Amino acid sequence: MFADRVQVILRAGRGGNGCLSFRREWGVPKGGPDGGRGGDGGSVYLISDRGVKSLSYFRFHPINKARSGSHGEGNNRQGKRGSDLTLLVPPGTVVKDADRDGLLFDFDKPGLTYLAAKGGRGGRGNASFASATHRAPRECEPGKPGEDKKLILELKLIADVGLVGFPNVGKSTLISRVSSAKPVIADYPFTTLIPNLGVVDLDEERSFVVADIPGLIGGAHLGHGLGVRFLRHVERTRVLVHVVDLSPHSGRDPVDDLRVVRAELEAFQPGLLGRKQVVAANKSDLLAGDSGRLSRLRRFAAGLGMPCLAISALKKTGLKALLSEIWKALESAGSPGAGEGAEE
């Protein structure tokens, strides 16, 4: 099950109590204090791992606890430290405070470690309080409680390019044609229910990661359709590709479709419209001589400074020119390609 936003409670271990003890051994009268300190509690760490693809684990394990430290014992024996708890998250996860919604950490690449909840310190035993003037201390400390954190984990896929558009415009077909991604493809709305990632290899030195975002409709920012829940996955992208249905059988106008999707992006986050954008006019094989739809779309896109390329993802026509245009946009946006998202 794909999960991209979860609330978790992470509890670090409590420190063990210090021990109150005096040495009692035959032939050694008044042996003195020998109470050991308690062990520190275990901490909770989050680590980004490229082998993890979603936050599904936390949906079924919302509460995670590290072990507490053991209590100190006599004969100056220190309690055992509680073992740490390590939890894996996918790269692209951001950690937020559940109460204040402030950003705490961003796993923007694999291999990062974040101390989410620090274990409590073990208490000192009475041997630690002994001094030249205080030879028989009866003080000892209880262990300190570990941190208890309520956090929000959000996954924002790390991709260079995001495919956006209405349902059934061919985004899933397009990503399956240009990469090895295998999304669900069918002739009904909202076939894509989760984002799909694919790596596009142009040649031995040029590649980039593309994300197929579930379809948007008018009013998505108000919760219509699938809403804008998955748009967080385009926040890290440098280039947006608007996939527009040219087919006259869709019952919609391609210019209106592009205008609506851009409005939904702006409603979600105004800064998204400042990204490099390319228009992929899909299903051009179904125009049947009706070039007016393509001409109007090209004029509208040109007025917004966006290149518009006619393609047919199903027939695999125009894809090479589209990928070349996307790479140009990535280069002008300062993207190094798949180096950030696919392999680090």
C-alpha atoms as a PDB file:
ATOM      1  CA  MET A   1       0.000   0.000   0.000  1.00  0.00           C
ATOM      2  CA  PHE A   2       1.359   3.397  -0.985  1.00  0.00           C
ATOM      3  CA  ALA A   3       1.358   6.009   1.800  1.00  0.00           C
ATOM      4  CA  ASP A   4       2.764   9.505   1.469  1.00  0.00           C
ATOM      5  CA  ARG A   5       1.605  11.216   4.671  1.00  0.00           C
ATOM      6  CA  VAL A   6       1.459   9.683   8.155  1.00  0.00           C
ATOM      7  CA  GLN A   7       1.414  10.823  11.759  1.00  0.00           C
ATOM      8  CA  VAL A   8       3.712   8.929  14.106  1.00  0.00           C
ATOM      9  CA  ILE A   9       4.618   8.918  17.784  1.00  0.00           C
ATOM     10  CA  LEU A  10       8.271   8.187  18.502  1.00  0.00           C
ATOM     11  CA  ARG A  11       9.271   7.455  22.086  1.00  0.00           C
ATOM     12  CA  ALA A  12      12.871   7.253  23.175  1.00  0.00           C
ATOM     13  CA  GLY A  13      13.838   4.941  26.036  1.00  0.00           C
ATOM     14  CA  ARG A  14      13.992   6.071  29.642  1.00  0.00           C
ATOM     15  CA  GLY A  15      17.302   6.095  31.441  1.00  0.00           C
ATOM     16  CA  GLY A  16      17.820   3.485  34.154  1.00  0.00           C
ATOM     17  CA  ASN A  17      17.811   4.466  37.830  1.00  0.00           C
ATOM     18  CA  GLY A  18      21.043   4.825  39.759  1.00  0.00           C
ATOM     19  CA  CYS A  19      21.656   2.280  42.521  1.00  0.00           C
ATOM     20  CA  LEU A  20      21.954   2.931  46.256  1.00  0.00           C
ATOM     21  CA  SER A  21      24.329   0.268  47.572  1.00  0.00           C
ATOM     22  CA  PHE A  22      27.208  -0.196  50.017  1.00  0.00           C
ATOM     23  CA  ARG A  23      29.910  -2.782  49.728  1.00  0.00           C
ATOM     24  CA  ARG A  24      29.247  -5.691  52.064  1.00  0.00           C
ATOM     25  CA  GLU A  25      32.065  -8.232  52.050  1.00  0.00           C
ATOM     26  CA  TRP A  26      33.565 -10.445  54.747  1.00  0.00           C
ATOM     27  CA  GLY A  27      36.731  -8.946  56.097  1.00  0.00           C
ATOM     28  CA  VAL A  28      36.084  -5.517  54.600  1.00  0.00           C
ATOM     29  CA  PRO A  29      34.213  -3.455  57.161  1.00  0.00           C
ATOM     30  CA  LYS A  30      32.718  -0.191  55.989  1.00  0.00           C
ATOM     31  CA  GLY A  31      33.456  -0.957  52.362  1.00  0.00           C
ATOM     32  CA  GLY A  32      31.920   2.266  51.164  1.00  0.00           C
ATOM     33  CA  PRO A  33      29.324   3.119  48.495  1.00  0.00           C
ATOM     34  CA  ASP A  34      29.323   0.987  45.332  1.00  0.00           C
ATOM     35  CA  GLY A  35      26.008   1.816  43.625  1.00  0.00           C
ATOM     36  CA  GLY A  36      26.412   2.007  39.838  1.00  0.00           C
ATOM     37  CA  ARG A  37      24.671   4.408  37.485  1.00  0.00           C
ATOM     38  CA  GLY A  38      21.775   3.479  35.267  1.00  0.00           C
ATOM     39  CA  GLY A  39      22.178   2.936  31.546  1.00  0.00           C
ATOM     40  CA  ASP A  40      21.064   5.610  29.091  1.00  0.00           C
ATOM     41  CA  GLY A  41      17.825   5.057  27.223  1.00  0.00           C
ATOM     42  CA  GLY A  42      17.864   4.210  23.523  1.00  0.00           C
ATOM     43  CA  SER A  43      17.234   6.916  20.924  1.00  0.00           C
ATOM     44  CA  VAL A  44      15.033   6.801  17.809  1.00  0.00           C
ATOM     45  CA  TYR A  45      16.738   7.508  14.479  1.00  0.00           C
ATOM     46  CA  LEU A  46      15.226   7.986  11.020  1.00  0.00           C
ATOM     47  CA  ILE A  47      17.401   7.033   8.042  1.00  0.00           C
ATOM     48  CA  SER A  48      16.609   7.568   4.365  1.00  0.00           C
ATOM     49  CA  ASP A  49      17.041   4.401   2.330  1.00  0.00           C
ATOM     50  CA  ARG A  50      16.496   4.153  -1.439  1.00  0.00           C
ATOM     51  CA  GLY A  51      15.139   0.627  -0.987  1.00  0.00           C
ATOM     52  CA  VAL A  52      12.068   2.030   0.805  1.00  0.00           C
ATOM     53  CA  LYS A  53       9.391   3.352  -1.549  1.00  0.00           C
ATOM     54  CA  SER A  54       6.620   4.620   0.731  1.00  0.00           C
ATOM     55  CA  LEU A  55       5.656   5.310   4.340  1.00  0.00           C
ATOM     56  CA  SER A  56       3.327   2.285   4.510  1.00  0.00           C
ATOM     57  CA  TYR A  57       5.163   0.763   7.492  1.00  0.00           C
ATOM     58  CA  PHE A  58       4.090   3.664   9.705  1.00  0.00           C
ATOM     59  CA  ARG A  59       0.409   3.279   8.813  1.00  0.00           C
ATOM     60  CA  PHE A  60       0.432  -0.024  10.671  1.00  0.00           C
ATOM     61  CA  HIS A  61       3.050   0.959  13.272  1.00  0.00           C
ATOM     62  CA  PRO A  62       2.137   4.529  14.297  1.00  0.00           C
ATOM     63  CA  ILE A  63       3.812   4.205  17.712  1.00  0.00           C
ATOM     64  CA  ASN A  64       7.484   3.239  17.863  1.00  0.00           C
ATOM     65  CA  LYS A  65       9.516   2.925  21.049  1.00  0.00           C
ATOM     66  CA  ALA A  66      13.205   2.502  21.773  1.00  0.00           C
ATOM     67  CA  ARG A  67      14.285   0.386  24.738  1.00  0.00           C
ATOM     68  CA  SER A  68      14.914   1.827  28.177  1.00  0.00           C
ATOM     69  CA  GLY A  69      18.230   1.571  29.964  1.00  0.00           C
ATOM     70  CA  SER A  70      18.749  -0.963  32.745  1.00  0.00           C
ATOM     71  CA  HIS A  71      19.062   0.112  36.375  1.00  0.00           C
ATOM     72  CA  GLY A  72      22.461   0.352  38.030  1.00  0.00           C
ATOM     73  CA  GLU A  73      23.533  -2.341  40.457  1.00  0.00           C
ATOM     74  CA  GLY A  74      25.842  -2.803  43.414  1.00  0.00           C
ATOM     75  CA  ASN A  75      29.568  -3.477  43.096  1.00  0.00           C
ATOM     76  CA  ASN A  76      29.770  -0.424  40.803  1.00  0.00           C
ATOM     77  CA  ARG A  77      27.964  -2.188  37.967  1.00  0.00           C
ATOM     78  CA  GLN A  78      26.480   0.228  35.451  1.00  0.00           C
ATOM     79  CA  GLY A  79      23.150  -0.577  33.884  1.00  0.00           C
ATOM     80  CA  LYS A  80      23.067  -1.672  30.243  1.00  0.00           C
ATOM     81  CA  ARG A  81      22.316   1.048  27.718  1.00  0.00           C
ATOM     82  CA  GLY A  82      18.979   0.721  25.952  1.00  0.00           C
ATOM     83  CA  SER A  83      19.271  -0.239  22.290  1.00  0.00           C
ATOM     84  CA  ASP A  84      18.506   2.442  19.712  1.00  0.00           C
ATOM     85  CA  LEU A  85      15.602   2.115  17.301  1.00  0.00           C
ATOM     86  CA  THR A  86      16.365   2.759  13.627  1.00  0.00           C
ATOM     87  CA  LEU A  87      13.482   3.379  11.229  1.00  0.00           C
ATOM     88  CA  LEU A  88      13.870   3.587   7.453  1.00  0.00           C
ATOM     89  CA  VAL A  89      12.086   6.177   5.332  1.00  0.00           C
ATOM     90  CA  PRO A  90      12.192   6.774   1.573  1.00  0.00           C
ATOM     91  CA  PRO A  91      14.342   9.594   0.175  1.00  0.00           C
ATOM     92  CA  GLY A  92      12.200  12.674  -0.281  1.00  0.00           C
ATOM     93  CA  THR A  93      10.571  12.391   3.156  1.00  0.00           C
ATOM     94  CA  VAL A  94      10.182  15.557   5.189  1.00  0.00           C
ATOM     95  CA  VAL A  95       9.726  15.533   8.966  1.00  0.00           C
ATOM     96  CA  LYS A  96       7.375  18.050  10.543  1.00  0.00           C
ATOM     97  CA  ASP A  97       6.251  18.812  14.082  1.00  0.00           C
ATOM     98  CA  ALA A  98       2.667  17.580  14.350  1.00  0.00           C
ATOM     99  CA  ASP A  99       1.620  20.392  16.688  1.00  0.00           C
ATOM    100  CA  ARG A 100       3.322  23.364  15.037  1.00  0.00           C
ATOM    101  CA  ASP A 101       3.671  21.938  11.499  1.00  0.00           C
ATOM    102  CA  GLY A 102       7.206  23.324  11.328  1.00  0.00           C
ATOM    103  CA  LEU A 103       9.808  21.615   9.151  1.00  0.00           C
ATOM    104  CA  LEU A 104      12.338  19.680  11.252  1.00  0.00           C
ATOM    105  CA  PHE A 105      14.316  17.744   8.650  1.00  0.00           C
ATOM    106  CA  ASP A 106      14.367  17.060   4.924  1.00  0.00           C
ATOM    107  CA  PHE A 107      15.653  13.720   3.609  1.00  0.00           C
ATOM    108  CA  ASP A 108      16.500  15.111   0.189  1.00  0.00           C
ATOM    109  CA  LYS A 109      18.849  12.236  -0.648  1.00  0.00           C
ATOM    110  CA  PRO A 110      19.543   8.646   0.475  1.00  0.00           C
ATOM    111  CA  GLY A 111      21.789   7.880   3.437  1.00  0.00           C
ATOM    112  CA  LEU A 112      20.819  10.785   5.698  1.00  0.00           C
ATOM    113  CA  THR A 113      20.267  10.223   9.435  1.00  0.00           C
ATOM    114  CA  TYR A 114      18.037  12.259  11.747  1.00  0.00           C
ATOM    115  CA  LEU A 115      17.891  11.925  15.543  1.00  0.00           C
ATOM    116  CA  ALA A 116      14.128  12.072  15.983  1.00  0.00           C
ATOM    117  CA  ALA A 117      13.881  11.333  19.729  1.00  0.00           C
ATOM    118  CA  LYS A 118      16.824  11.349  22.148  1.00  0.00           C
ATOM    119  CA  GLY A 119      17.037   8.738  24.880  1.00  0.00           C
ATOM    120  CA  GLY A 120      16.934   9.700  28.536  1.00  0.00           C
ATOM    121  CA  ARG A 121      20.104   9.880  30.595  1.00  0.00           C
ATOM    122  CA  GLY A 122      20.754   7.211  33.201  1.00  0.00           C
ATOM    123  CA  GLY A 123      20.707   8.276  36.842  1.00  0.00           C
ATOM    124  CA  ARG A 124      23.862   8.318  38.952  1.00  0.00           C
ATOM    125  CA  GLY A 125      24.363   5.757  41.702  1.00  0.00           C
ATOM    126  CA  ASN A 126      25.517   6.705  45.188  1.00  0.00           C
ATOM    127  CA  ALA A 127      29.123   5.837  44.328  1.00  0.00           C
ATOM    128  CA  SER A 128      29.168   8.910  42.104  1.00  0.00           C
ATOM    129  CA  PHE A 129      28.386  11.161  45.066  1.00  0.00           C
ATOM    130  CA  ALA A 130      31.238   9.931  47.279  1.00  0.00           C
ATOM    131  CA  SER A 131      33.906  12.444  48.220  1.00  0.00           C
ATOM    132  CA  ALA A 132      36.558  12.926  50.867  1.00  0.00           C
ATOM    133  CA  THR A 133      34.054  14.702  53.092  1.00  0.00           C
ATOM    134  CA  HIS A 134      30.978  12.697  52.088  1.00  0.00           C
ATOM    135  CA  ARG A 135      32.033   9.099  52.433  1.00  0.00           C
ATOM    136  CA  ALA A 136      28.668   7.394  52.896  1.00  0.00           C
ATOM    137  CA  PRO A 137      26.302   9.108  50.464  1.00  0.00           C
ATOM    138  CA  ARG A 138      22.760   7.854  50.344  1.00  0.00           C
ATOM    139  CA  GLU A 139      21.808   9.850  47.277  1.00  0.00           C
ATOM    140  CA  CYS A 140      21.062   8.354  43.903  1.00  0.00           C
ATOM    141  CA  GLU A 141      19.245   9.667  40.869  1.00  0.00           C
ATOM    142  CA  PRO A 142      16.286   8.300  38.925  1.00  0.00           C
ATOM    143  CA  GLY A 143      16.704   7.912  35.189  1.00  0.00           C
ATOM    144  CA  LYS A 144      15.540  10.746  32.954  1.00  0.00           C
ATOM    145  CA  PRO A 145      12.611  10.117  30.601  1.00  0.00           C
ATOM    146  CA  GLY A 146      13.363   9.951  26.894  1.00  0.00           C
ATOM    147  CA  GLU A 147      11.884  12.370  24.384  1.00  0.00           C
ATOM    148  CA  ASP A 148       8.340  11.735  23.213  1.00  0.00           C
ATOM    149  CA  LYS A 149       7.728  13.197  19.744  1.00  0.00           C
ATOM    150  CA  LYS A 150       4.581  13.445  17.678  1.00  0.00           C
ATOM    151  CA  LEU A 151       5.655  13.945  14.083  1.00  0.00           C
ATOM    152  CA  ILE A 152       4.210  14.187  10.596  1.00  0.00           C
ATOM    153  CA  LEU A 153       6.129  12.343   7.879  1.00  0.00           C
ATOM    154  CA  GLU A 154       5.423  13.498   4.326  1.00  0.00           C
ATOM    155  CA  LEU A 155       6.842  11.939   1.199  1.00  0.00           C
ATOM    156  CA  LYS A 156       7.643  14.232  -1.713  1.00  0.00           C
ATOM    157  CA  LEU A 157       9.007  12.138  -4.534  1.00  0.00           C
ATOM    158  CA  ILE A 158      12.401  13.210  -5.818  1.00  0.00           C
ATOM    159  CA  ALA A 159      11.923  13.651  -9.558  1.00  0.00           C
ATOM    160  CA  ASP A 160      13.287  16.034 -12.164  1.00  0.00           C
ATOM    161  CA  VAL A 161      10.103  16.148 -14.253  1.00  0.00           C
ATOM    162  CA  GLY A 162       6.444  15.973 -13.238  1.00  0.00           C
ATOM    163  CA  LEU A 163       3.645  14.949 -15.631  1.00  0.00           C
ATOM    164  CA  VAL A 164       0.387  16.777 -14.865  1.00  0.00           C
ATOM    165  CA  GLY A 165      -2.963  16.951 -16.603  1.00  0.00           C
ATOM    166  CA  PHE A 166      -6.573  15.790 -16.608  1.00  0.00           C
ATOM    167  CA  PRO A 167      -7.436  12.112 -16.037  1.00  0.00           C
ATOM    168  CA  ASN A 168      -7.113   9.858 -19.090  1.00  0.00           C
ATOM    169  CA  VAL A 169      -4.989  12.250 -21.137  1.00  0.00           C
ATOM    170  CA  GLY A 170      -2.253   9.617 -21.476  1.00  0.00           C
ATOM    171  CA  LYS A 171       0.240  10.432 -18.695  1.00  0.00           C
ATOM    172  CA  SER A 172       0.614   6.794 -17.669  1.00  0.00           C
ATOM    173  CA  THR A 173       0.958   5.672 -21.283  1.00  0.00           C
ATOM    174  CA  LEU A 174       3.605   8.338 -21.845  1.00  0.00           C
ATOM    175  CA  ILE A 175       5.726   7.356 -18.836  1.00  0.00           C
ATOM    176  CA  SER A 176       5.469   3.685 -19.822  1.00  0.00           C
ATOM    177  CA  ARG A 177       6.755   4.535 -23.334  1.00  0.00           C
ATOM    178  CA  VAL A 178       9.741   6.640 -22.289  1.00  0.00           C
ATOM    179  CA  SER A 179      10.848   4.665 -19.199  1.00  0.00           C
ATOM    180  CA  SER A 180      10.639   1.210 -17.654  1.00  0.00           C
ATOM    181  CA  ALA A 181       7.788   2.233 -15.339  1.00  0.00           C
ATOM    182  CA  LYS A 182       4.744  -0.056 -15.497  1.00  0.00           C
ATOM    183  CA  PRO A 183       1.739   1.952 -14.269  1.00  0.00           C
ATOM    184  CA  VAL A 184      -1.854   0.737 -14.447  1.00  0.00           C
ATOM    185  CA  ILE A 185      -3.354   1.842 -17.780  1.00  0.00           C
ATOM    186  CA  ALA A 186      -7.080   1.611 -18.522  1.00  0.00           C
ATOM    187  CA  ASP A 187      -9.832   3.515 -20.301  1.00  0.00           C
ATOM    188  CA  TYR A 188     -11.569   5.047 -17.295  1.00  0.00           C
ATOM    189  CA  PRO A 189     -10.981   8.172 -15.171  1.00  0.00           C
ATOM    190  CA  PHE A 190      -8.556   8.179 -12.255  1.00  0.00           C
ATOM    191  CA  THR A 191      -6.830   4.950 -13.254  1.00  0.00           C
ATOM    192  CA  THR A 192      -3.674   6.294 -11.623  1.00  0.00           C
ATOM    193  CA  LEU A 193      -4.230   6.437  -7.872  1.00  0.00           C
ATOM    194  CA  ILE A 194      -0.607   6.788  -6.784  1.00  0.00           C
ATOM    195  CA  PRO A 195       2.359   8.630  -8.322  1.00  0.00           C
ATOM    196  CA  ASN A 196       4.634   6.544 -10.534  1.00  0.00           C
ATOM    197  CA  LEU A 197       8.356   7.117 -11.013  1.00  0.00           C
ATOM    198  CA  GLY A 198      10.398   6.254 -14.086  1.00  0.00           C
ATOM    199  CA  VAL A 199      13.982   6.883 -15.215  1.00  0.00           C
ATOM    200  CA  VAL A 200      14.374   8.172 -18.775  1.00  0.00           C
ATOM    201  CA  ASP A 201      17.727   7.353 -20.399  1.00  0.00           C
ATOM    202  CA  LEU A 202      18.446   9.574 -23.378  1.00  0.00           C
ATOM    203  CA  ASP A 203      21.950   8.190 -23.847  1.00  0.00           C
ATOM    204  CA  GLU A 204      24.855   6.961 -21.721  1.00  0.00           C
ATOM    205  CA  GLU A 205      25.403  10.350 -20.118  1.00  0.00           C
ATOM    206  CA  ARG A 206      21.958  11.942 -20.037  1.00  0.00           C
ATOM    207  CA  SER A 207      19.051  10.714 -17.942  1.00  0.00           C
ATOM    208  CA  PHE A 208      16.354  12.136 -15.689  1.00  0.00           C
ATOM    209  CA  VAL A 209      13.596  10.971 -13.360  1.00  0.00           C
ATOM    210  CA  VAL A 210       9.972  11.587 -14.308  1.00  0.00           C
ATOM    211  CA  ALA A 211       6.909  11.344 -12.038  1.00  0.00           C
ATOM    212  CA  ASP A 212       3.381  10.603 -13.268  1.00  0.00           C
ATOM    213  CA  ILE A 213       0.982  12.516 -11.003  1.00  0.00           C
ATOM    214  CA  PRO A 214      -2.659  11.329 -10.622  1.00  0.00           C
ATOM    215  CA  GLY A 215      -5.107  13.369 -12.712  1.00  0.00           C
ATOM    216  CA  LEU A 216      -6.381  16.829 -11.815  1.00  0.00           C
ATOM    217  CA  ILE A 217      -9.774  18.314 -12.583  1.00  0.00           C
ATOM    218  CA  GLY A 218     -11.325  21.731 -12.071  1.00  0.00           C
ATOM    219  CA  GLY A 219     -11.840  22.396  -8.357  1.00  0.00           C
ATOM    220  CA  ALA A 220      -9.139  19.927  -7.317  1.00  0.00           C
ATOM    221  CA  HIS A 221      -7.831  22.460  -4.776  1.00  0.00           C
ATOM    222  CA  LEU A 222     -11.298  22.272  -3.150  1.00  0.00           C
ATOM    223  CA  GLY A 223     -11.091  18.495  -2.915  1.00  0.00           C
ATOM    224  CA  HIS A 224     -12.855  17.558  -6.158  1.00  0.00           C
ATOM    225  CA  GLY A 225     -11.714  14.328  -7.795  1.00  0.00           C
ATOM    226  CA  LEU A 226      -8.551  13.179  -6.061  1.00  0.00           C
ATOM    227  CA  GLY A 227      -7.924  16.728  -4.873  1.00  0.00           C
ATOM    228  CA  VAL A 228      -4.384  18.081  -4.759  1.00  0.00           C
ATOM    229  CA  ARG A 229      -3.094  15.500  -2.299  1.00  0.00           C
ATOM    230  CA  PHE A 230      -0.477  14.210  -4.758  1.00  0.00           C
ATOM    231  CA  LEU A 231       0.703  17.609  -5.964  1.00  0.00           C
ATOM    232  CA  ARG A 232       3.283  17.673  -3.173  1.00  0.00           C
ATOM    233  CA  HIS A 233       5.217  15.257  -5.363  1.00  0.00           C
ATOM    234  CA  VAL A 234       5.844  17.950  -7.987  1.00  0.00           C
ATOM    235  CA  GLU A 235       7.196  20.444  -5.446  1.00  0.00           C
ATOM    236  CA  ARG A 236      10.749  19.135  -5.957  1.00  0.00           C
ATOM    237  CA  THR A 237      10.548  18.934  -9.766  1.00  0.00           C
ATOM    238  CA  ARG A 238      12.328  21.456 -11.956  1.00  0.00           C
ATOM    239  CA  VAL A 239      10.199  20.942 -15.061  1.00  0.00           C
ATOM    240  CA  LEU A 240       6.451  20.418 -15.421  1.00  0.00           C
ATOM    241  CA  VAL A 241       5.069  18.673 -18.492  1.00  0.00           C
ATOM    242  CA  HIS A 242       1.404  19.410 -19.198  1.00  0.00           C
ATOM    243  CA  VAL A 243      -0.067  16.386 -20.968  1.00  0.00           C
ATOM    244  CA  VAL A 244      -3.122  17.615 -22.894  1.00  0.00           C
ATOM    245  CA  ASP A 245      -5.657  15.479 -24.777  1.00  0.00           C
ATOM    246  CA  LEU A 246      -6.002  16.676 -28.392  1.00  0.00           C
ATOM    247  CA  SER A 247      -8.622  14.104 -29.319  1.00  0.00           C
ATOM    248  CA  PRO A 248     -11.990  15.589 -30.396  1.00  0.00           C
ATOM    249  CA  HIS A 249     -13.636  12.581 -28.727  1.00  0.00           C
ATOM    250  CA  SER A 250     -12.709  13.781 -25.236  1.00  0.00           C
ATOM    251  CA  GLY A 251     -15.549  16.291 -25.161  1.00  0.00           C
ATOM    252  CA  ARG A 252     -13.219  18.953 -23.753  1.00  0.00           C
ATOM    253  CA  ASP A 253     -11.253  21.815 -25.233  1.00  0.00           C
ATOM    254  CA  PRO A 254      -7.451  21.392 -24.927  1.00  0.00           C
ATOM    255  CA  VAL A 255      -6.906  25.106 -24.280  1.00  0.00           C
ATOM    256  CA  ASP A 256      -9.453  25.053 -21.465  1.00  0.00           C
ATOM    257  CA  ASP A 257      -7.835  21.915 -20.029  1.00  0.00           C
ATOM    258  CA  LEU A 258      -4.421  23.584 -19.910  1.00  0.00           C
ATOM    259  CA  ARG A 259      -5.891  26.729 -18.386  1.00  0.00           C
ATOM    260  CA  VAL A 260      -7.702  24.723 -15.667  1.00  0.00           C
ATOM    261  CA  VAL A 261      -4.640  22.650 -14.715  1.00  0.00           C
ATOM    262  CA  ARG A 262      -2.471  25.756 -14.448  1.00  0.00           C
ATOM    263  CA  ALA A 263      -5.114  27.375 -12.220  1.00  0.00           C
ATOM    264  CA  GLU A 264      -5.108  24.320  -9.931  1.00  0.00           C
ATOM    265  CA  LEU A 265      -1.313  24.385  -9.708  1.00  0.00           C
ATOM    266  CA  GLU A 266      -1.403  28.061  -8.795  1.00  0.00           C
ATOM    267  CA  ALA A 267      -4.094  27.446  -6.170  1.00  0.00           C
ATOM    268  CA  PHE A 268      -1.952  24.715  -4.623  1.00  0.00           C
ATOM    269  CA  GLN A 269       1.326  26.634  -4.712  1.00  0.00           C
ATOM    270  CA  PRO A 270       1.754  29.815  -6.773  1.00  0.00           C
ATOM    271  CA  GLY A 271       5.475  29.219  -7.179  1.00  0.00           C
ATOM    272  CA  LEU A 272       4.852  26.122  -9.306  1.00  0.00           C
ATOM    273  CA  LEU A 273       3.963  28.257 -12.315  1.00  0.00           C
ATOM    274  CA  GLY A 274       7.448  29.734 -12.158  1.00  0.00           C
ATOM    275  CA  ARG A 275       8.959  26.345 -13.082  1.00  0.00           C
ATOM    276  CA  LYS A 276      10.006  25.485 -16.612  1.00  0.00           C
ATOM    277  CA  GLN A 277       6.958  24.063 -18.408  1.00  0.00           C
ATOM    278  CA  VAL A 278       6.457  22.060 -21.583  1.00  0.00           C
ATOM    279  CA  VAL A 279       3.143  21.126 -23.230  1.00  0.00           C
ATOM    280  CA  ALA A 280       2.788  17.598 -24.628  1.00  0.00           C
ATOM    281  CA  ALA A 281      -0.228  17.613 -26.972  1.00  0.00           C
ATOM    282  CA  ASN A 282      -1.106  13.926 -26.822  1.00  0.00           C
ATOM    283  CA  LYS A 283      -3.355  11.748 -29.027  1.00  0.00           C
ATOM    284  CA  SER A 284      -2.465  13.747 -32.122  1.00  0.00           C
ATOM    285  CA  ASP A 285      -3.130  10.597 -34.161  1.00  0.00           C
ATOM    286  CA  LEU A 286      -6.858  11.060 -33.453  1.00  0.00           C
ATOM    287  CA  LEU A 287      -7.143  14.568 -34.900  1.00  0.00           C
ATOM    288  CA  ALA A 288      -8.262  13.230 -38.287  1.00  0.00           C
ATOM    289  CA  GLY A 289      -7.352  16.440 -40.091  1.00  0.00           C
ATOM    290  CA  ASP A 290      -8.759  18.741 -37.396  1.00  0.00           C
ATOM    291  CA  SER A 291      -5.592  20.789 -36.929  1.00  0.00           C
ATOM    292  CA  GLY A 292      -7.464  23.724 -35.423  1.00  0.00           C
ATOM    293  CA  ARG A 293      -7.336  22.219 -31.915  1.00  0.00           C
ATOM    294  CA  LEU A 294      -3.556  21.871 -32.108  1.00  0.00           C
ATOM    295  CA  SER A 295      -3.094  25.366 -33.607  1.00  0.00           C
ATOM    296  CA  ARG A 296      -5.125  27.035 -30.862  1.00  0.00           C
ATOM    297  CA  LEU A 297      -3.263  25.116 -28.167  1.00  0.00           C
ATOM    298  CA  ARG A 298       0.092  26.092 -29.635  1.00  0.00           C
ATOM    299  CA  ARG A 299      -0.873  29.772 -29.766  1.00  0.00           C
ATOM    300  CA  PHE A 300      -2.079  29.691 -26.166  1.00  0.00           C
ATOM    301  CA  ALA A 301       1.078  27.907 -24.965  1.00  0.00           C
ATOM    302  CA  ALA A 302       3.325  30.272 -26.922  1.00  0.00           C
ATOM    303  CA  GLY A 303       1.634  33.230 -25.242  1.00  0.00           C
ATOM    304  CA  LEU A 304       2.702  31.738 -21.908  1.00  0.00           C
ATOM    305  CA  GLY A 305       6.235  31.036 -23.110  1.00  0.00           C
ATOM    306  CA  MET A 306       5.800  27.271 -23.192  1.00  0.00           C
ATOM    307  CA  PRO A 307       6.905  25.031 -26.084  1.00  0.00           C
ATOM    308  CA  CYS A 308       4.091  22.788 -27.359  1.00  0.00           C
ATOM    309  CA  LEU A 309       4.853  19.485 -29.104  1.00  0.00           C
ATOM    310  CA  ALA A 310       2.343  17.162 -30.764  1.00  0.00           C
ATOM    311  CA  ILE A 311       2.822  13.536 -29.768  1.00  0.00           C
ATOM    312  CA  SER A 312       1.051  10.207 -29.664  1.00  0.00           C
ATOM    313  CA  ALA A 313       2.194   8.196 -26.677  1.00  0.00           C
ATOM    314  CA  LEU A 314       0.235   5.181 -27.904  1.00  0.00           C
ATOM    315  CA  LYS A 315       1.776   5.247 -31.379  1.00  0.00           C
ATOM    316  CA  LYS A 316       5.181   6.397 -30.055  1.00  0.00           C
ATOM    317  CA  THR A 317       5.326   9.384 -32.376  1.00  0.00           C
ATOM    318  CA  GLY A 318       6.921  12.704 -31.448  1.00  0.00           C
ATOM    319  CA  LEU A 319       8.447  11.290 -28.251  1.00  0.00           C
ATOM    320  CA  LYS A 320      12.067  11.864 -29.241  1.00  0.00           C
ATOM    321  CA  ALA A 321      11.415  15.563 -29.894  1.00  0.00           C
ATOM    322  CA  LEU A 322       9.490  15.856 -26.612  1.00  0.00           C
ATOM    323  CA  LEU A 323      12.300  14.288 -24.574  1.00  0.00           C
ATOM    324  CA  SER A 324      14.812  16.580 -26.271  1.00  0.00           C
ATOM    325  CA  GLU A 325      12.702  19.618 -25.335  1.00  0.00           C
ATOM    326  CA  ILE A 326      12.389  18.374 -21.746  1.00  0.00           C
ATOM    327  CA  TRP A 327      16.166  18.000 -21.508  1.00  0.00           C
ATOM    328  CA  LYS A 328      16.646  21.554 -22.776  1.00  0.00           C
ATOM    329  CA  ALA A 329      14.252  22.758 -20.081  1.00  0.00           C
ATOM    330  CA  LEU A 330      16.165  20.792 -17.437  1.00  0.00           C
ATOM    331  CA  GLU A 331      19.463  22.282 -18.539  1.00  0.00           C
ATOM    332  CA  SER A 332      18.079  25.817 -18.450  1.00  0.00           C
ATOM    333  CA  ALA A 333      16.581  25.105 -15.030  1.00  0.00           C
ATOM    334  CA  GLY A 334      19.991  24.052 -13.728  1.00  0.00           C
ATOM    335  CA  SER A 335      19.105  20.390 -13.234  1.00  0.00           C
ATOM    336  CA  PRO A 336      21.902  17.852 -13.456  1.00  0.00           C
ATOM    337  CA  GLY A 337      19.393  15.152 -14.334  1.00  0.00           C
ATOM    338  CA  ALA A 338      18.925  11.863 -12.527  1.00  0.00           C
ATOM    339  CA  GLY A 339      21.917  12.393 -10.265  1.00  0.00           C
ATOM    340  CA  GLU A 340      19.718  13.884  -7.549  1.00  0.00           C
ATOM    341  CA  GLY A 341      16.784  11.566  -7.628  1.00  0.00           C
ATOM    342  CA  ALA A 342      17.742   8.195  -9.022  1.00  0.00           C
ATOM    343  CA  GLU A 343      21.232   7.492  -7.755  1.00  0.00           C
ATOM    344  CA  GLU A 344      23.367   9.397  -5.306  1.00  0.00           C
END
